[in-house]
Amino acid sequence: MFRARRLADSGPQRMFAELDPTVSWSDGVLAVDRPDLDLHYQLGGRGLVLVPSLFAWPNVFVKASEPWAPVLRYSARGVGSMWHTDQPAPELALVLGRARASLLAELATPSTTTSLARRTGLASSGVSAHLSRLAAAGLVARQRAGRLVFYVRTARADALFGAPP
């Protein structure tokens, strides 16, 4: 969703440049500058499938042979923090409650109510109620992306986890 929004807001040149330093877009031509890749493909209206991958890092992979749809596989955003979860300080759970402290820890990455419920095992309605109270306290903020509402930790909440401002 982030890449689609970036493409719509800023155009292909900026979106592709942010994927990887080896990827660029200019005058309708997508270039991947890698020493092991010396191939040229005509997309011929077949489109291009962008695939974020945890397993592509630190490279970009291209598959454009016919009859398959051309694919550009690149490192997913936040791959460096994929296996790291902020743990709330024990005293934070005493003040906020275990569920709210857990939700704040999970919000190191922006998330929807549904994804938070799935990851924490809490009911969606409970997650929603907790998030409303955390938002009222200035610890989380809502960001709409189309039909979805993502919750993010605020700087105030990050400070509770000892994150730099």
N, C-alpha and C. Protein backbone atom coordinates (compact mmCIF):
# COMPACT_ATOMS: atom_id res chain seq x y z
N MET A 1 0.82 -1.18 0.00
CA MET A 1 0.00 0.00 0.00
C MET A 1 0.87 1.26 0.00
N PHE A 2 1.99 1.22 0.74
CA PHE A 2 2.88 2.37 0.79
C PHE A 2 3.41 2.70 -0.60
N ARG A 3 3.85 1.68 -1.33
CA ARG A 3 4.42 1.91 -2.67
C ARG A 3 3.35 2.44 -3.63
N ALA A 4 2.14 1.92 -3.54
CA ALA A 4 1.06 2.40 -4.41
C ALA A 4 0.77 3.87 -4.14
N ARG A 5 0.75 4.24 -2.86
CA ARG A 5 0.52 5.64 -2.50
C ARG A 5 1.67 6.51 -2.99
N ARG A 6 2.92 6.04 -2.83
CA ARG A 6 4.08 6.79 -3.28
C ARG A 6 4.03 6.99 -4.79
N LEU A 7 3.65 5.94 -5.51
CA LEU A 7 3.54 6.03 -6.97
C LEU A 7 2.49 7.06 -7.37
N ALA A 8 1.33 7.01 -6.71
CA ALA A 8 0.25 7.94 -7.03
C ALA A 8 0.61 9.38 -6.66
N ASP A 9 1.27 9.56 -5.52
CA ASP A 9 1.59 10.91 -5.05
C ASP A 9 2.81 11.53 -5.72
N SER A 10 3.83 10.71 -6.01
CA SER A 10 5.11 11.27 -6.45
C SER A 10 5.58 10.81 -7.81
N GLY A 11 4.91 9.80 -8.38
CA GLY A 11 5.30 9.32 -9.69
C GLY A 11 6.31 8.18 -9.64
N PRO A 12 6.52 7.52 -10.78
CA PRO A 12 7.38 6.34 -10.82
C PRO A 12 8.85 6.63 -10.53
N GLN A 13 9.35 7.79 -10.92
CA GLN A 13 10.77 8.08 -10.73
C GLN A 13 11.15 8.04 -9.25
N ARG A 14 10.37 8.69 -8.42
CA ARG A 14 10.66 8.70 -6.98
C ARG A 14 10.38 7.34 -6.35
N MET A 15 9.27 6.72 -6.71
CA MET A 15 8.91 5.44 -6.11
C MET A 15 9.99 4.39 -6.39
N PHE A 16 10.43 4.28 -7.65
CA PHE A 16 11.45 3.28 -7.99
C PHE A 16 12.79 3.60 -7.34
N ALA A 17 13.14 4.87 -7.25
CA ALA A 17 14.41 5.25 -6.63
C ALA A 17 14.46 4.85 -5.17
N GLU A 18 13.31 4.81 -4.50
CA GLU A 18 13.26 4.44 -3.09
C GLU A 18 13.32 2.93 -2.87
N LEU A 19 13.09 2.14 -3.91
CA LEU A 19 13.12 0.68 -3.74
C LEU A 19 14.51 0.18 -3.41
N ASP A 20 15.49 0.68 -4.16
CA ASP A 20 16.85 0.19 -4.02
C ASP A 20 17.76 1.14 -4.80
N PRO A 21 19.00 1.36 -4.35
CA PRO A 21 19.89 2.26 -5.08
C PRO A 21 20.20 1.81 -6.51
N THR A 22 20.01 0.53 -6.79
CA THR A 22 20.30 0.02 -8.13
C THR A 22 19.14 0.20 -9.10
N VAL A 23 17.98 0.63 -8.61
CA VAL A 23 16.79 0.75 -9.44
C VAL A 23 16.53 2.22 -9.77
N SER A 24 16.25 2.49 -11.04
CA SER A 24 15.92 3.86 -11.43
C SER A 24 14.90 3.84 -12.56
N TRP A 25 14.21 4.97 -12.71
CA TRP A 25 13.19 5.14 -13.74
C TRP A 25 13.45 6.47 -14.43
N SER A 26 13.54 6.44 -15.74
CA SER A 26 13.75 7.67 -16.48
C SER A 26 13.19 7.51 -17.88
N ASP A 27 12.39 8.46 -18.30
CA ASP A 27 11.81 8.47 -19.65
C ASP A 27 11.11 7.15 -20.00
N GLY A 28 10.39 6.61 -19.04
CA GLY A 28 9.62 5.40 -19.29
C GLY A 28 10.45 4.12 -19.31
N VAL A 29 11.71 4.20 -18.88
CA VAL A 29 12.59 3.02 -18.86
C VAL A 29 12.96 2.71 -17.42
N LEU A 30 12.71 1.47 -17.02
CA LEU A 30 13.11 1.00 -15.70
C LEU A 30 14.47 0.33 -15.83
N ALA A 31 15.44 0.79 -15.05
CA ALA A 31 16.79 0.23 -15.10
C ALA A 31 17.14 -0.37 -13.75
N VAL A 32 17.76 -1.55 -13.79
CA VAL A 32 18.30 -2.19 -12.60
C VAL A 32 19.79 -2.37 -12.88
N ASP A 33 20.62 -1.61 -12.19
CA ASP A 33 22.05 -1.58 -12.43
C ASP A 33 22.76 -2.56 -11.49
N ARG A 34 22.94 -3.78 -11.99
CA ARG A 34 23.64 -4.81 -11.21
C ARG A 34 24.67 -5.47 -12.12
N PRO A 35 25.86 -5.76 -11.61
CA PRO A 35 26.90 -6.36 -12.44
C PRO A 35 26.50 -7.73 -13.01
N ASP A 36 25.71 -8.47 -12.28
CA ASP A 36 25.33 -9.81 -12.73
C ASP A 36 24.08 -9.81 -13.62
N LEU A 37 23.56 -8.64 -13.93
CA LEU A 37 22.32 -8.54 -14.70
C LEU A 37 22.56 -7.68 -15.94
N ASP A 38 22.70 -8.32 -17.08
CA ASP A 38 22.95 -7.60 -18.33
C ASP A 38 21.93 -8.05 -19.37
N LEU A 39 20.66 -7.87 -19.02
CA LEU A 39 19.59 -8.27 -19.91
C LEU A 39 18.66 -7.10 -20.15
N HIS A 40 18.03 -7.10 -21.31
CA HIS A 40 17.07 -6.05 -21.64
C HIS A 40 15.76 -6.72 -22.04
N TYR A 41 14.67 -6.24 -21.45
CA TYR A 41 13.36 -6.82 -21.73
C TYR A 41 12.42 -5.73 -22.21
N GLN A 42 11.58 -6.06 -23.12
CA GLN A 42 10.49 -5.18 -23.53
C GLN A 42 9.25 -5.71 -22.82
N LEU A 43 8.62 -4.85 -22.05
CA LEU A 43 7.44 -5.30 -21.32
C LEU A 43 6.25 -5.48 -22.24
N GLY A 44 6.19 -4.73 -23.31
CA GLY A 44 5.14 -4.92 -24.30
C GLY A 44 3.73 -4.88 -23.73
N GLY A 45 3.49 -4.01 -22.79
CA GLY A 45 2.15 -3.89 -22.22
C GLY A 45 1.80 -4.96 -21.21
N ARG A 46 2.76 -5.80 -20.82
CA ARG A 46 2.47 -6.87 -19.85
C ARG A 46 2.41 -6.37 -18.42
N GLY A 47 2.80 -5.11 -18.21
CA GLY A 47 2.78 -4.56 -16.86
C GLY A 47 4.02 -4.99 -16.09
N LEU A 48 4.04 -4.66 -14.82
CA LEU A 48 5.16 -5.01 -13.95
C LEU A 48 4.60 -5.27 -12.56
N VAL A 49 4.93 -6.42 -12.01
CA VAL A 49 4.47 -6.79 -10.67
C VAL A 49 5.59 -6.46 -9.69
N LEU A 50 5.29 -5.63 -8.70
CA LEU A 50 6.25 -5.29 -7.66
C LEU A 50 5.98 -6.18 -6.45
N VAL A 51 7.02 -6.88 -5.98
CA VAL A 51 6.85 -7.83 -4.89
C VAL A 51 7.83 -7.51 -3.75
N PRO A 52 7.32 -6.96 -2.65
CA PRO A 52 8.21 -6.77 -1.50
C PRO A 52 8.51 -8.13 -0.88
N SER A 53 9.74 -8.32 -0.46
CA SER A 53 10.13 -9.63 0.07
C SER A 53 11.09 -9.48 1.24
N LEU A 54 10.87 -10.27 2.26
CA LEU A 54 11.81 -10.31 3.38
C LEU A 54 13.10 -11.02 2.96
N PHE A 55 13.02 -11.84 1.94
CA PHE A 55 14.14 -12.67 1.57
C PHE A 55 14.94 -12.11 0.40
N ALA A 56 14.58 -10.95 -0.09
CA ALA A 56 15.31 -10.34 -1.19
C ALA A 56 16.51 -9.53 -0.67
N TRP A 57 16.44 -9.06 0.55
CA TRP A 57 17.47 -8.19 1.08
C TRP A 57 18.81 -8.88 1.03
N PRO A 58 19.86 -8.24 0.60
CA PRO A 58 19.98 -6.83 0.22
C PRO A 58 19.90 -6.62 -1.29
N ASN A 59 19.37 -7.56 -2.02
CA ASN A 59 19.35 -7.47 -3.48
C ASN A 59 17.98 -7.14 -4.05
N VAL A 60 17.96 -6.93 -5.35
CA VAL A 60 16.74 -6.78 -6.13
C VAL A 60 16.77 -7.91 -7.14
N PHE A 61 15.65 -8.58 -7.34
CA PHE A 61 15.58 -9.69 -8.29
C PHE A 61 14.59 -9.36 -9.38
N VAL A 62 14.93 -9.74 -10.60
CA VAL A 62 14.09 -9.46 -11.75
C VAL A 62 13.75 -10.78 -12.43
N LYS A 63 12.47 -10.94 -12.77
CA LYS A 63 12.03 -12.07 -13.58
C LYS A 63 11.13 -11.48 -14.66
N ALA A 64 11.59 -11.56 -15.90
CA ALA A 64 10.81 -10.93 -16.95
C ALA A 64 10.66 -11.82 -18.18
N SER A 65 11.04 -13.08 -18.08
CA SER A 65 10.94 -13.99 -19.22
C SER A 65 9.49 -14.31 -19.51
N GLU A 66 9.18 -14.38 -20.78
CA GLU A 66 7.82 -14.76 -21.18
C GLU A 66 7.63 -16.25 -20.93
N PRO A 67 6.47 -16.71 -20.65
CA PRO A 67 5.17 -16.06 -20.74
C PRO A 67 4.72 -15.42 -19.43
N TRP A 68 5.57 -15.40 -18.42
CA TRP A 68 5.17 -14.89 -17.11
C TRP A 68 5.13 -13.37 -17.09
N ALA A 69 4.35 -12.86 -16.17
CA ALA A 69 4.31 -11.40 -15.97
C ALA A 69 5.65 -10.96 -15.40
N PRO A 70 6.19 -9.84 -15.86
CA PRO A 70 7.45 -9.35 -15.32
C PRO A 70 7.32 -9.01 -13.83
N VAL A 71 8.35 -9.40 -13.07
CA VAL A 71 8.33 -9.21 -11.62
C VAL A 71 9.62 -8.53 -11.18
N LEU A 72 9.48 -7.56 -10.30
CA LEU A 72 10.63 -6.93 -9.64
C LEU A 72 10.45 -7.20 -8.15
N ARG A 73 11.35 -8.03 -7.60
CA ARG A 73 11.28 -8.38 -6.17
C ARG A 73 12.33 -7.55 -5.44
N TYR A 74 11.91 -6.86 -4.39
CA TYR A 74 12.79 -5.94 -3.66
C TYR A 74 12.59 -6.14 -2.17
N SER A 75 13.49 -5.57 -1.39
CA SER A 75 13.41 -5.70 0.07
C SER A 75 12.19 -4.97 0.61
N ALA A 76 11.45 -5.64 1.46
CA ALA A 76 10.28 -5.03 2.09
C ALA A 76 10.72 -3.94 3.05
N ARG A 77 9.88 -2.93 3.21
CA ARG A 77 10.16 -1.86 4.17
C ARG A 77 10.19 -2.45 5.58
N GLY A 78 11.12 -1.98 6.38
CA GLY A 78 11.19 -2.42 7.77
C GLY A 78 11.75 -3.81 7.95
N VAL A 79 12.41 -4.36 6.93
CA VAL A 79 12.92 -5.73 7.03
C VAL A 79 13.90 -5.87 8.19
N GLY A 80 14.63 -4.80 8.50
CA GLY A 80 15.60 -4.87 9.59
C GLY A 80 14.97 -5.07 10.95
N SER A 81 13.73 -4.67 11.11
CA SER A 81 13.07 -4.81 12.41
C SER A 81 12.05 -5.95 12.41
N MET A 82 12.10 -6.78 11.39
CA MET A 82 11.09 -7.84 11.27
C MET A 82 11.07 -8.80 12.45
N TRP A 83 12.23 -9.14 12.96
CA TRP A 83 12.28 -10.12 14.04
C TRP A 83 12.53 -9.48 15.39
N HIS A 84 12.30 -8.17 15.46
CA HIS A 84 12.48 -7.45 16.71
C HIS A 84 11.16 -6.82 17.12
N THR A 85 10.77 -7.06 18.34
CA THR A 85 9.56 -6.44 18.87
C THR A 85 9.93 -5.66 20.12
N ASP A 86 9.51 -4.41 20.17
CA ASP A 86 9.72 -3.63 21.39
C ASP A 86 8.93 -4.27 22.51
N GLN A 87 9.57 -4.45 23.62
CA GLN A 87 8.88 -4.99 24.79
C GLN A 87 8.59 -3.84 25.74
N PRO A 88 7.36 -3.76 26.20
CA PRO A 88 7.06 -2.68 27.14
C PRO A 88 7.82 -2.88 28.45
N ALA A 89 8.23 -1.79 29.03
CA ALA A 89 8.86 -1.88 30.34
C ALA A 89 7.84 -2.48 31.31
N PRO A 90 8.29 -3.33 32.24
CA PRO A 90 7.34 -3.96 33.17
C PRO A 90 6.46 -2.96 33.90
N GLU A 91 7.03 -1.82 34.26
CA GLU A 91 6.23 -0.82 34.98
C GLU A 91 5.19 -0.18 34.09
N LEU A 92 5.40 -0.18 32.77
CA LEU A 92 4.42 0.38 31.84
C LEU A 92 3.12 -0.45 31.88
N ALA A 93 3.26 -1.75 31.95
CA ALA A 93 2.08 -2.62 32.05
C ALA A 93 1.34 -2.38 33.37
N LEU A 94 2.07 -2.05 34.43
CA LEU A 94 1.42 -1.77 35.72
C LEU A 94 0.56 -0.51 35.64
N VAL A 95 1.00 0.46 34.86
CA VAL A 95 0.28 1.73 34.76
C VAL A 95 -0.85 1.65 33.74
N LEU A 96 -0.54 1.14 32.55
CA LEU A 96 -1.52 1.12 31.46
C LEU A 96 -2.38 -0.14 31.42
N GLY A 97 -1.89 -1.19 32.01
CA GLY A 97 -2.52 -2.49 31.87
C GLY A 97 -1.77 -3.30 30.82
N ARG A 98 -1.80 -4.60 30.97
CA ARG A 98 -1.03 -5.48 30.08
C ARG A 98 -1.48 -5.35 28.62
N ALA A 99 -2.79 -5.27 28.37
CA ALA A 99 -3.29 -5.21 27.00
C ALA A 99 -2.85 -3.93 26.30
N ARG A 100 -2.99 -2.79 26.96
CA ARG A 100 -2.61 -1.53 26.33
C ARG A 100 -1.10 -1.44 26.14
N ALA A 101 -0.35 -1.92 27.10
CA ALA A 101 1.11 -1.91 26.97
C ALA A 101 1.52 -2.80 25.80
N SER A 102 0.87 -3.94 25.66
CA SER A 102 1.15 -4.85 24.55
C SER A 102 0.80 -4.21 23.21
N LEU A 103 -0.33 -3.53 23.14
CA LEU A 103 -0.73 -2.86 21.90
C LEU A 103 0.27 -1.76 21.54
N LEU A 104 0.72 -1.01 22.51
CA LEU A 104 1.72 0.02 22.23
C LEU A 104 3.01 -0.59 21.70
N ALA A 105 3.41 -1.72 22.26
CA ALA A 105 4.62 -2.40 21.78
C ALA A 105 4.43 -2.85 20.33
N GLU A 106 3.26 -3.38 20.02
CA GLU A 106 2.98 -3.85 18.65
C GLU A 106 2.95 -2.69 17.66
N LEU A 107 2.63 -1.50 18.14
CA LEU A 107 2.52 -0.35 17.25
C LEU A 107 3.87 0.28 16.89
N ALA A 108 4.95 -0.44 17.13
CA ALA A 108 6.24 -0.01 16.60
C ALA A 108 6.14 0.04 15.08
N THR A 109 5.24 -0.76 14.53
CA THR A 109 4.91 -0.75 13.10
C THR A 109 3.44 -0.37 12.98
N PRO A 110 3.10 0.61 12.13
CA PRO A 110 1.70 0.99 11.97
C PRO A 110 0.83 -0.22 11.66
N SER A 111 -0.33 -0.30 12.29
CA SER A 111 -1.18 -1.48 12.16
C SER A 111 -2.66 -1.10 12.22
N THR A 112 -3.49 -1.96 11.67
CA THR A 112 -4.94 -1.80 11.76
C THR A 112 -5.45 -2.53 13.00
N THR A 113 -6.67 -2.23 13.36
CA THR A 113 -7.29 -2.90 14.50
C THR A 113 -7.32 -4.41 14.28
N THR A 114 -7.69 -4.82 13.08
CA THR A 114 -7.79 -6.25 12.77
C THR A 114 -6.45 -6.95 12.90
N SER A 115 -5.38 -6.35 12.36
CA SER A 115 -4.08 -7.00 12.45
C SER A 115 -3.57 -7.04 13.89
N LEU A 116 -3.86 -6.00 14.66
CA LEU A 116 -3.48 -6.01 16.07
C LEU A 116 -4.23 -7.10 16.84
N ALA A 117 -5.51 -7.26 16.55
CA ALA A 117 -6.29 -8.30 17.22
C ALA A 117 -5.73 -9.68 16.89
N ARG A 118 -5.38 -9.88 15.63
CA ARG A 118 -4.83 -11.17 15.20
C ARG A 118 -3.51 -11.46 15.90
N ARG A 119 -2.64 -10.44 15.97
CA ARG A 119 -1.31 -10.65 16.55
C ARG A 119 -1.32 -10.78 18.06
N THR A 120 -2.25 -10.10 18.73
CA THR A 120 -2.26 -10.12 20.19
C THR A 120 -3.21 -11.15 20.78
N GLY A 121 -4.14 -11.63 19.99
CA GLY A 121 -5.13 -12.57 20.50
C GLY A 121 -6.29 -11.89 21.22
N LEU A 122 -6.33 -10.56 21.18
CA LEU A 122 -7.43 -9.82 21.79
C LEU A 122 -8.59 -9.71 20.79
N ALA A 123 -9.78 -9.51 21.30
CA ALA A 123 -10.94 -9.31 20.43
C ALA A 123 -10.82 -7.96 19.73
N SER A 124 -11.28 -7.89 18.49
CA SER A 124 -11.21 -6.63 17.73
C SER A 124 -11.90 -5.50 18.46
N SER A 125 -13.04 -5.79 19.08
CA SER A 125 -13.76 -4.74 19.80
C SER A 125 -12.95 -4.23 20.99
N GLY A 126 -12.26 -5.13 21.67
CA GLY A 126 -11.40 -4.74 22.79
C GLY A 126 -10.22 -3.91 22.32
N VAL A 127 -9.62 -4.33 21.22
CA VAL A 127 -8.49 -3.58 20.65
C VAL A 127 -8.96 -2.17 20.30
N SER A 128 -10.11 -2.07 19.67
CA SER A 128 -10.66 -0.77 19.28
C SER A 128 -10.88 0.12 20.50
N ALA A 129 -11.43 -0.44 21.57
CA ALA A 129 -11.67 0.34 22.79
C ALA A 129 -10.34 0.81 23.41
N HIS A 130 -9.36 -0.09 23.46
CA HIS A 130 -8.06 0.28 24.01
C HIS A 130 -7.40 1.37 23.17
N LEU A 131 -7.47 1.23 21.85
CA LEU A 131 -6.85 2.21 20.96
C LEU A 131 -7.51 3.58 21.10
N SER A 132 -8.82 3.60 21.30
CA SER A 132 -9.52 4.87 21.52
C SER A 132 -8.99 5.57 22.76
N ARG A 133 -8.77 4.82 23.82
CA ARG A 133 -8.27 5.41 25.06
C ARG A 133 -6.81 5.84 24.91
N LEU A 134 -6.01 5.04 24.20
CA LEU A 134 -4.62 5.42 23.96
C LEU A 134 -4.53 6.67 23.08
N ALA A 135 -5.45 6.79 22.13
CA ALA A 135 -5.49 7.99 21.27
C ALA A 135 -5.88 9.21 22.10
N ALA A 136 -6.86 9.05 22.99
CA ALA A 136 -7.29 10.17 23.84
C ALA A 136 -6.15 10.63 24.76
N ALA A 137 -5.25 9.71 25.11
CA ALA A 137 -4.11 10.05 25.96
C ALA A 137 -2.92 10.58 25.15
N GLY A 138 -3.08 10.64 23.83
CA GLY A 138 -2.01 11.15 23.00
C GLY A 138 -0.88 10.17 22.76
N LEU A 139 -1.14 8.87 22.98
CA LEU A 139 -0.10 7.86 22.80
C LEU A 139 -0.14 7.20 21.43
N VAL A 140 -1.29 7.25 20.76
CA VAL A 140 -1.38 6.74 19.39
C VAL A 140 -2.14 7.76 18.55
N ALA A 141 -1.90 7.67 17.24
CA ALA A 141 -2.60 8.54 16.29
C ALA A 141 -3.18 7.67 15.19
N ARG A 142 -4.24 8.15 14.59
CA ARG A 142 -4.90 7.43 13.49
C ARG A 142 -4.45 8.03 12.17
N GLN A 143 -4.21 7.15 11.18
CA GLN A 143 -3.89 7.60 9.83
C GLN A 143 -4.72 6.78 8.86
N ARG A 144 -5.51 7.46 8.07
CA ARG A 144 -6.37 6.78 7.10
C ARG A 144 -5.61 6.57 5.81
N ALA A 145 -5.73 5.37 5.24
CA ALA A 145 -5.17 5.04 3.93
C ALA A 145 -6.28 4.34 3.16
N GLY A 146 -7.04 5.10 2.40
CA GLY A 146 -8.18 4.52 1.69
C GLY A 146 -9.25 4.12 2.69
N ARG A 147 -9.65 2.85 2.63
CA ARG A 147 -10.67 2.35 3.56
C ARG A 147 -10.10 1.92 4.90
N LEU A 148 -8.79 1.81 4.98
CA LEU A 148 -8.16 1.31 6.20
C LEU A 148 -7.74 2.45 7.12
N VAL A 149 -7.79 2.19 8.42
CA VAL A 149 -7.29 3.13 9.42
C VAL A 149 -6.13 2.45 10.12
N PHE A 150 -4.96 3.07 10.02
CA PHE A 150 -3.77 2.55 10.68
C PHE A 150 -3.53 3.35 11.95
N TYR A 151 -3.07 2.67 12.98
CA TYR A 151 -2.71 3.31 14.23
C TYR A 151 -1.20 3.31 14.32
N VAL A 152 -0.65 4.42 14.79
CA VAL A 152 0.79 4.56 14.95
C VAL A 152 1.08 5.13 16.33
N ARG A 153 2.24 4.76 16.85
CA ARG A 153 2.66 5.35 18.12
C ARG A 153 3.08 6.79 17.89
N THR A 154 2.79 7.63 18.85
CA THR A 154 3.24 9.02 18.79
C THR A 154 4.62 9.12 19.43
N ALA A 155 5.23 10.29 19.31
CA ALA A 155 6.54 10.52 19.94
C ALA A 155 6.44 10.33 21.46
N ARG A 156 5.29 10.71 22.02
CA ARG A 156 5.08 10.53 23.46
C ARG A 156 5.14 9.05 23.84
N ALA A 157 4.52 8.19 23.04
CA ALA A 157 4.55 6.76 23.32
C ALA A 157 5.96 6.20 23.08
N ASP A 158 6.62 6.65 22.02
CA ASP A 158 7.99 6.19 21.77
C ASP A 158 8.89 6.49 22.95
N ALA A 159 8.68 7.64 23.58
CA ALA A 159 9.49 8.01 24.74
C ALA A 159 9.30 7.02 25.88
N LEU A 160 8.11 6.44 26.00
CA LEU A 160 7.87 5.44 27.04
C LEU A 160 8.69 4.18 26.82
N PHE A 161 9.06 3.93 25.55
CA PHE A 161 9.87 2.75 25.22
C PHE A 161 11.35 3.10 25.16
N GLY A 162 11.67 4.35 25.47
CA GLY A 162 13.06 4.76 25.47
C GLY A 162 13.61 5.04 24.08
N ALA A 163 12.72 5.20 23.10
CA ALA A 163 13.16 5.51 21.74
C ALA A 163 13.61 6.96 21.68
N PRO A 164 14.63 7.24 20.85
CA PRO A 164 15.07 8.64 20.74
C PRO A 164 13.97 9.49 20.11
N PRO A 165 13.89 10.80 20.46
CA PRO A 165 12.83 11.67 19.94
C PRO A 165 12.94 11.91 18.46
